[in-house]
């Protein structure tokens, strides 16, 4: 019985974390930003 309680709490925790991640999801990085970042890394220039 205790095992079912632990599983229920874990299940609720996973659902809450999933919703939180979807709500705070960042917008995808544009291709130009990725290219610029890779270019600066390859050239050894750091911000």
PDB file of N, CA and C in Angstrom:
ATOM      1  N   UNK A   1       0.821  -1.200   0.000  1.00  0.00           N
ATOM      2  CA  UNK A   1       0.000   0.000   0.000  1.00  0.00           C
ATOM      3  C   UNK A   1       0.867   1.267   0.000  1.00  0.00           C
ATOM      4  N   UNK A   2       1.944   1.209   0.751  1.00  0.00           N
ATOM      5  CA  UNK A   2       2.861   2.337   0.799  1.00  0.00           C
ATOM      6  C   UNK A   2       3.503   2.534  -0.569  1.00  0.00           C
ATOM      7  N   UNK A   3       3.771   1.444  -1.263  1.00  0.00           N
ATOM      8  CA  UNK A   3       4.379   1.512  -2.591  1.00  0.00           C
ATOM      9  C   UNK A   3       3.466   2.260  -3.555  1.00  0.00           C
ATOM     10  N   UNK A   4       2.169   1.994  -3.488  1.00  0.00           N
ATOM     11  CA  UNK A   4       1.232   2.693  -4.368  1.00  0.00           C
ATOM     12  C   UNK A   4       1.204   4.185  -4.061  1.00  0.00           C
ATOM     13  N   UNK A   5       1.312   4.538  -2.802  1.00  0.00           N
ATOM     14  CA  UNK A   5       1.349   5.942  -2.421  1.00  0.00           C
ATOM     15  C   UNK A   5       2.590   6.626  -2.972  1.00  0.00           C
ATOM     16  N   UNK A   6       3.737   5.943  -2.873  1.00  0.00           N
ATOM     17  CA  UNK A   6       4.979   6.504  -3.411  1.00  0.00           C
ATOM     18  C   UNK A   6       4.901   6.648  -4.926  1.00  0.00           C
ATOM     19  N   UNK A   7       4.337   5.659  -5.590  1.00  0.00           N
ATOM     20  CA  UNK A   7       4.190   5.741  -7.042  1.00  0.00           C
ATOM     21  C   UNK A   7       3.266   6.877  -7.448  1.00  0.00           C
ATOM     22  N   UNK A   8       2.198   7.089  -6.687  1.00  0.00           N
ATOM     23  CA  UNK A   8       1.273   8.178  -6.996  1.00  0.00           C
ATOM     24  C   UNK A   8       1.952   9.532  -6.838  1.00  0.00           C
ATOM     25  N   UNK A   9       2.730   9.687  -5.770  1.00  0.00           N
ATOM     26  CA  UNK A   9       3.449  10.944  -5.555  1.00  0.00           C
ATOM     27  C   UNK A   9       4.468  11.166  -6.665  1.00  0.00           C
ATOM     28  N   UNK A  10       5.189  10.132  -7.045  1.00  0.00           N
ATOM     29  CA  UNK A  10       6.167  10.240  -8.132  1.00  0.00           C
ATOM     30  C   UNK A  10       5.487  10.604  -9.445  1.00  0.00           C
ATOM     31  N   UNK A  11       4.345   9.981  -9.725  1.00  0.00           N
ATOM     32  CA  UNK A  11       3.600  10.262 -10.944  1.00  0.00           C
ATOM     33  C   UNK A  11       3.153  11.725 -10.985  1.00  0.00           C
ATOM     34  N   UNK A  12       2.631  12.222  -9.876  1.00  0.00           N
ATOM     35  CA  UNK A  12       2.210  13.618  -9.812  1.00  0.00           C
ATOM     36  C   UNK A  12       3.402  14.561  -9.976  1.00  0.00           C
ATOM     37  N   UNK A  13       4.539  14.210  -9.377  1.00  0.00           N
ATOM     38  CA  UNK A  13       5.741  15.032  -9.507  1.00  0.00           C
ATOM     39  C   UNK A  13       6.178  15.125 -10.970  1.00  0.00           C
ATOM     40  N   UNK A  14       6.156  14.010 -11.676  1.00  0.00           N
ATOM     41  CA  UNK A  14       6.556  13.994 -13.085  1.00  0.00           C
ATOM     42  C   UNK A  14       5.596  14.833 -13.925  1.00  0.00           C
ATOM     43  N   UNK A  15       4.315  14.720 -13.664  1.00  0.00           N
ATOM     44  CA  UNK A  15       3.326  15.501 -14.421  1.00  0.00           C
ATOM     45  C   UNK A  15       3.522  17.000 -14.167  1.00  0.00           C
ATOM     46  N   UNK A  16       3.731  17.379 -12.918  1.00  0.00           N
ATOM     47  CA  UNK A  16       3.921  18.797 -12.585  1.00  0.00           C
ATOM     48  C   UNK A  16       5.189  19.330 -13.231  1.00  0.00           C
ATOM     49  N   UNK A  17       6.272  18.559 -13.188  1.00  0.00           N
ATOM     50  CA  UNK A  17       7.528  19.000 -13.819  1.00  0.00           C
ATOM     51  C   UNK A  17       7.355  19.119 -15.330  1.00  0.00           C
ATOM     52  N   UNK A  18       6.611  18.204 -15.947  1.00  0.00           N
ATOM     53  CA  UNK A  18       6.372  18.273 -17.384  1.00  0.00           C
ATOM     54  C   UNK A  18       5.624  19.532 -17.768  1.00  0.00           C
ATOM     55  N   UNK A  19       4.592  19.874 -17.006  1.00  0.00           N
ATOM     56  CA  UNK A  19       3.852  21.106 -17.274  1.00  0.00           C
ATOM     57  C   UNK A  19       4.733  22.333 -17.063  1.00  0.00           C
ATOM     58  N   UNK A  20       5.551  22.312 -16.030  1.00  0.00           N
ATOM     59  CA  UNK A  20       6.425  23.456 -15.757  1.00  0.00           C
ATOM     60  C   UNK A  20       7.429  23.650 -16.884  1.00  0.00           C
ATOM     61  N   UNK A  21       7.967  22.562 -17.402  1.00  0.00           N
ATOM     62  CA  UNK A  21       8.921  22.677 -18.507  1.00  0.00           C
ATOM     63  C   UNK A  21       8.256  23.219 -19.764  1.00  0.00           C
ATOM     64  N   UNK A  22       7.029  22.802 -20.026  1.00  0.00           N
ATOM     65  CA  UNK A  22       6.323  23.302 -21.208  1.00  0.00           C
ATOM     66  C   UNK A  22       5.984  24.779 -21.067  1.00  0.00           C
ATOM     67  N   UNK A  23       5.658  25.225 -19.877  1.00  0.00           N
ATOM     68  CA  UNK A  23       5.306  26.628 -19.668  1.00  0.00           C
ATOM     69  C   UNK A  23       6.524  27.543 -19.771  1.00  0.00           C
ATOM     70  N   UNK A  24       7.684  27.056 -19.340  1.00  0.00           N
ATOM     71  CA  UNK A  24       8.887  27.881 -19.324  1.00  0.00           C
ATOM     72  C   UNK A  24       9.840  27.544 -20.459  1.00  0.00           C
ATOM     73  N   UNK A  25       9.313  26.930 -21.482  1.00  0.00           N
ATOM     74  CA  UNK A  25      10.149  26.497 -22.594  1.00  0.00           C
ATOM     75  C   UNK A  25      10.698  27.710 -23.348  1.00  0.00           C
ATOM     76  N   UNK A  26      11.992  27.665 -23.636  1.00  0.00           N
ATOM     77  CA  UNK A  26      12.626  28.758 -24.382  1.00  0.00           C
ATOM     78  C   UNK A  26      12.327  28.617 -25.858  1.00  0.00           C
ATOM     79  N   UNK A  27      12.360  29.757 -26.535  1.00  0.00           N
ATOM     80  CA  UNK A  27      12.174  29.702 -27.980  1.00  0.00           C
ATOM     81  C   UNK A  27      13.425  29.085 -28.611  1.00  0.00           C
ATOM     82  N   UNK A  28      13.283  28.402 -29.716  1.00  0.00           N
ATOM     83  CA  UNK A  28      14.446  27.771 -30.346  1.00  0.00           C
ATOM     84  C   UNK A  28      15.449  28.804 -30.835  1.00  0.00           C
ATOM     85  N   UNK A  29      16.713  28.417 -30.797  1.00  0.00           N
ATOM     86  CA  UNK A  29      17.787  29.300 -31.250  1.00  0.00           C
ATOM     87  C   UNK A  29      17.776  29.321 -32.776  1.00  0.00           C
ATOM     88  N   UNK A  30      17.914  30.518 -33.332  1.00  0.00           N
ATOM     89  CA  UNK A  30      17.888  30.643 -34.788  1.00  0.00           C
ATOM     90  C   UNK A  30      19.171  30.080 -35.387  1.00  0.00           C
ATOM     91  N   UNK A  31      19.100  29.763 -36.639  1.00  0.00           N
ATOM     92  CA  UNK A  31      20.251  29.203 -37.344  1.00  0.00           C
ATOM     93  C   UNK A  31      21.410  30.203 -37.394  1.00  0.00           C
ATOM     94  N   UNK A  32      21.091  31.483 -37.550  1.00  0.00           N
ATOM     95  CA  UNK A  32      22.129  32.509 -37.603  1.00  0.00           C
ATOM     96  C   UNK A  32      22.863  32.613 -36.265  1.00  0.00           C
ATOM     97  N   UNK A  33      22.121  32.531 -35.157  1.00  0.00           N
ATOM     98  CA  UNK A  33      22.758  32.583 -33.841  1.00  0.00           C
ATOM     99  C   UNK A  33      23.669  31.374 -33.629  1.00  0.00           C
ATOM    100  N   UNK A  34      23.231  30.224 -34.071  1.00  0.00           N
ATOM    101  CA  UNK A  34      24.050  29.019 -33.952  1.00  0.00           C
ATOM    102  C   UNK A  34      25.317  29.150 -34.784  1.00  0.00           C
ATOM    103  N   UNK A  35      25.176  29.624 -36.013  1.00  0.00           N
ATOM    104  CA  UNK A  35      26.339  29.803 -36.878  1.00  0.00           C
ATOM    105  C   UNK A  35      27.323  30.806 -36.278  1.00  0.00           C
ATOM    106  N   UNK A  36      26.805  31.905 -35.752  1.00  0.00           N
ATOM    107  CA  UNK A  36      27.655  32.931 -35.158  1.00  0.00           C
ATOM    108  C   UNK A  36      28.391  32.380 -33.937  1.00  0.00           C
ATOM    109  N   UNK A  37      27.709  31.611 -33.106  1.00  0.00           N
ATOM    110  CA  UNK A  37      28.332  31.031 -31.916  1.00  0.00           C
ATOM    111  C   UNK A  37      29.425  30.045 -32.300  1.00  0.00           C
ATOM    112  N   UNK A  38      29.145  29.174 -33.266  1.00  0.00           N
ATOM    113  CA  UNK A  38      30.156  28.218 -33.716  1.00  0.00           C
ATOM    114  C   UNK A  38      31.358  28.927 -34.328  1.00  0.00           C
ATOM    115  N   UNK A  39      31.115  29.991 -35.063  1.00  0.00           N
ATOM    116  CA  UNK A  39      32.189  30.757 -35.688  1.00  0.00           C
ATOM    117  C   UNK A  39      33.116  31.368 -34.630  1.00  0.00           C
ATOM    118  N   UNK A  40      32.518  31.940 -33.592  1.00  0.00           N
ATOM    119  CA  UNK A  40      33.340  32.544 -32.541  1.00  0.00           C
ATOM    120  C   UNK A  40      34.098  31.488 -31.743  1.00  0.00           C
ATOM    121  N   UNK A  41      33.493  30.331 -31.533  1.00  0.00           N
ATOM    122  CA  UNK A  41      34.187  29.263 -30.807  1.00  0.00           C
ATOM    123  C   UNK A  41      35.365  28.739 -31.623  1.00  0.00           C
ATOM    124  N   UNK A  42      35.150  28.527 -32.916  1.00  0.00           N
ATOM    125  CA  UNK A  42      36.219  27.996 -33.759  1.00  0.00           C
ATOM    126  C   UNK A  42      37.372  28.978 -33.918  1.00  0.00           C
ATOM    127  N   UNK A  43      37.080  30.274 -33.883  1.00  0.00           N
ATOM    128  CA  UNK A  43      38.125  31.280 -34.014  1.00  0.00           C
ATOM    129  C   UNK A  43      38.779  31.632 -32.685  1.00  0.00           C
ATOM    130  N   UNK A  44      38.282  31.065 -31.596  1.00  0.00           N
ATOM    131  CA  UNK A  44      38.889  31.310 -30.294  1.00  0.00           C
ATOM    132  C   UNK A  44      38.509  32.626 -29.668  1.00  0.00           C
ATOM    133  N   UNK A  45      37.502  33.288 -30.200  1.00  0.00           N
ATOM    134  CA  UNK A  45      37.042  34.556 -29.637  1.00  0.00           C
ATOM    135  C   UNK A  45      35.961  34.267 -28.614  1.00  0.00           C
ATOM    136  N   UNK A  46      36.159  34.747 -27.425  1.00  0.00           N
ATOM    137  CA  UNK A  46      35.171  34.538 -26.359  1.00  0.00           C
ATOM    138  C   UNK A  46      34.517  35.855 -26.000  1.00  0.00           C
ATOM    139  N   UNK A  47      33.257  35.791 -25.582  1.00  0.00           N
ATOM    140  CA  UNK A  47      32.547  37.022 -25.172  1.00  0.00           C
ATOM    141  C   UNK A  47      33.021  37.468 -23.811  1.00  0.00           C
TER     142      UNK A  47
END
